[in-house]
Amino acid sequence: MEVLPAGEYDEMHLPGAVNIPLKILVATTTARLDPQRPVVVYCWDGL
């Protein structure tokens, strides 16, 4: 799962990554994730 904003996700994302921007990361937006599979949250900040 990538928590990048949509524009950044469109520019550069890991193959197969699901995008749920950090600003909207709540229980309802993560409901589509499979609870039986591990979740790796990825976000890169170039600062």
N, C-alpha and C. Protein backbone atom coordinates (compact mmCIF):
# COMPACT_ATOMS: atom_id res chain seq x y z
N MET A 1 0.85 -1.16 0.00
CA MET A 1 0.00 0.00 0.00
C MET A 1 0.89 1.23 0.00
N GLU A 2 0.58 2.16 -0.85
CA GLU A 2 1.31 3.43 -0.88
C GLU A 2 0.39 4.53 -0.36
N VAL A 3 0.95 5.39 0.45
CA VAL A 3 0.16 6.48 1.04
C VAL A 3 0.50 7.82 0.40
N LEU A 4 1.05 7.77 -0.80
CA LEU A 4 1.37 8.99 -1.53
C LEU A 4 0.10 9.71 -1.98
N PRO A 5 0.15 11.04 -2.13
CA PRO A 5 -0.97 11.73 -2.75
C PRO A 5 -1.19 11.17 -4.17
N ALA A 6 -2.41 11.26 -4.65
CA ALA A 6 -2.77 10.65 -5.94
C ALA A 6 -1.83 11.07 -7.07
N GLY A 7 -1.49 12.35 -7.16
CA GLY A 7 -0.61 12.83 -8.22
C GLY A 7 0.76 12.19 -8.19
N GLU A 8 1.33 12.07 -7.00
CA GLU A 8 2.64 11.43 -6.85
C GLU A 8 2.55 9.93 -7.15
N TYR A 9 1.47 9.32 -6.73
CA TYR A 9 1.27 7.89 -7.01
C TYR A 9 1.23 7.66 -8.51
N ASP A 10 0.52 8.54 -9.25
CA ASP A 10 0.43 8.41 -10.70
C ASP A 10 1.81 8.53 -11.35
N GLU A 11 2.66 9.38 -10.81
CA GLU A 11 3.99 9.59 -11.37
C GLU A 11 4.95 8.45 -11.07
N MET A 12 4.88 7.94 -9.84
CA MET A 12 5.85 6.91 -9.43
C MET A 12 5.25 6.07 -8.31
N HIS A 13 5.01 4.81 -8.62
CA HIS A 13 4.52 3.91 -7.58
C HIS A 13 5.10 2.52 -7.80
N LEU A 14 5.08 1.76 -6.75
CA LEU A 14 5.56 0.39 -6.83
C LEU A 14 4.56 -0.45 -7.63
N PRO A 15 5.03 -1.33 -8.49
CA PRO A 15 4.12 -2.17 -9.27
C PRO A 15 3.17 -2.94 -8.36
N GLY A 16 1.89 -2.88 -8.67
CA GLY A 16 0.88 -3.60 -7.91
C GLY A 16 0.45 -2.95 -6.61
N ALA A 17 1.00 -1.78 -6.31
CA ALA A 17 0.67 -1.11 -5.04
C ALA A 17 -0.74 -0.54 -5.09
N VAL A 18 -1.41 -0.62 -3.97
CA VAL A 18 -2.73 0.00 -3.78
C VAL A 18 -2.48 1.39 -3.20
N ASN A 19 -3.13 2.39 -3.76
CA ASN A 19 -2.94 3.75 -3.27
C ASN A 19 -4.08 4.17 -2.37
N ILE A 20 -3.74 4.51 -1.13
CA ILE A 20 -4.67 5.13 -0.19
C ILE A 20 -3.90 6.30 0.41
N PRO A 21 -4.13 7.51 -0.11
CA PRO A 21 -3.39 8.66 0.38
C PRO A 21 -3.47 8.81 1.90
N LEU A 22 -2.36 9.18 2.50
CA LEU A 22 -2.26 9.29 3.95
C LEU A 22 -3.36 10.16 4.54
N LYS A 23 -3.72 11.23 3.86
CA LYS A 23 -4.73 12.15 4.39
C LYS A 23 -6.11 11.53 4.48
N ILE A 24 -6.35 10.42 3.77
CA ILE A 24 -7.65 9.77 3.86
C ILE A 24 -7.54 8.34 4.41
N LEU A 25 -6.42 8.04 5.05
CA LEU A 25 -6.18 6.70 5.59
C LEU A 25 -6.96 6.52 6.88
N VAL A 26 -8.09 5.86 6.78
CA VAL A 26 -8.96 5.56 7.93
C VAL A 26 -9.53 4.15 7.73
N ALA A 27 -10.25 3.67 8.70
CA ALA A 27 -10.79 2.30 8.63
C ALA A 27 -11.65 2.07 7.40
N THR A 28 -12.44 3.04 6.99
CA THR A 28 -13.31 2.82 5.84
C THR A 28 -12.54 2.76 4.52
N THR A 29 -11.44 3.49 4.42
CA THR A 29 -10.66 3.45 3.17
C THR A 29 -9.76 2.23 3.10
N THR A 30 -9.48 1.61 4.21
CA THR A 30 -8.65 0.40 4.20
C THR A 30 -9.49 -0.88 4.16
N ALA A 31 -10.80 -0.75 4.16
CA ALA A 31 -11.69 -1.91 4.18
C ALA A 31 -11.48 -2.81 2.96
N ARG A 32 -11.00 -2.26 1.85
CA ARG A 32 -10.80 -3.09 0.65
C ARG A 32 -9.53 -3.94 0.72
N LEU A 33 -8.69 -3.72 1.71
CA LEU A 33 -7.49 -4.52 1.87
C LEU A 33 -7.85 -5.90 2.43
N ASP A 34 -7.14 -6.91 1.99
CA ASP A 34 -7.39 -8.28 2.44
C ASP A 34 -6.77 -8.47 3.82
N PRO A 35 -7.58 -8.69 4.85
CA PRO A 35 -7.05 -8.84 6.21
C PRO A 35 -6.20 -10.10 6.39
N GLN A 36 -6.25 -11.01 5.43
CA GLN A 36 -5.47 -12.25 5.51
C GLN A 36 -4.07 -12.10 4.90
N ARG A 37 -3.81 -10.93 4.30
CA ARG A 37 -2.51 -10.70 3.67
C ARG A 37 -1.76 -9.61 4.42
N PRO A 38 -0.44 -9.73 4.49
CA PRO A 38 0.35 -8.68 5.14
C PRO A 38 0.23 -7.36 4.37
N VAL A 39 0.35 -6.27 5.08
CA VAL A 39 0.31 -4.95 4.48
C VAL A 39 1.63 -4.24 4.77
N VAL A 40 2.23 -3.73 3.71
CA VAL A 40 3.44 -2.93 3.83
C VAL A 40 3.06 -1.53 3.40
N VAL A 41 3.24 -0.57 4.29
CA VAL A 41 2.92 0.82 3.96
C VAL A 41 4.19 1.49 3.48
N TYR A 42 4.10 2.11 2.31
CA TYR A 42 5.28 2.71 1.70
C TYR A 42 5.00 4.18 1.37
N CYS A 43 5.89 5.01 1.80
CA CYS A 43 5.82 6.43 1.45
C CYS A 43 7.24 6.96 1.42
N TRP A 44 7.58 7.69 0.39
CA TRP A 44 8.91 8.25 0.28
C TRP A 44 8.80 9.77 0.40
N ASP A 45 9.58 10.34 1.25
CA ASP A 45 9.62 11.79 1.43
C ASP A 45 11.02 12.23 1.11
N GLY A 46 11.16 13.02 0.06
CA GLY A 46 12.47 13.43 -0.39
C GLY A 46 13.10 14.56 0.38
N LEU A 47 12.55 14.88 1.54
CA LEU A 47 13.13 15.96 2.34
C LEU A 47 14.32 15.50 3.14
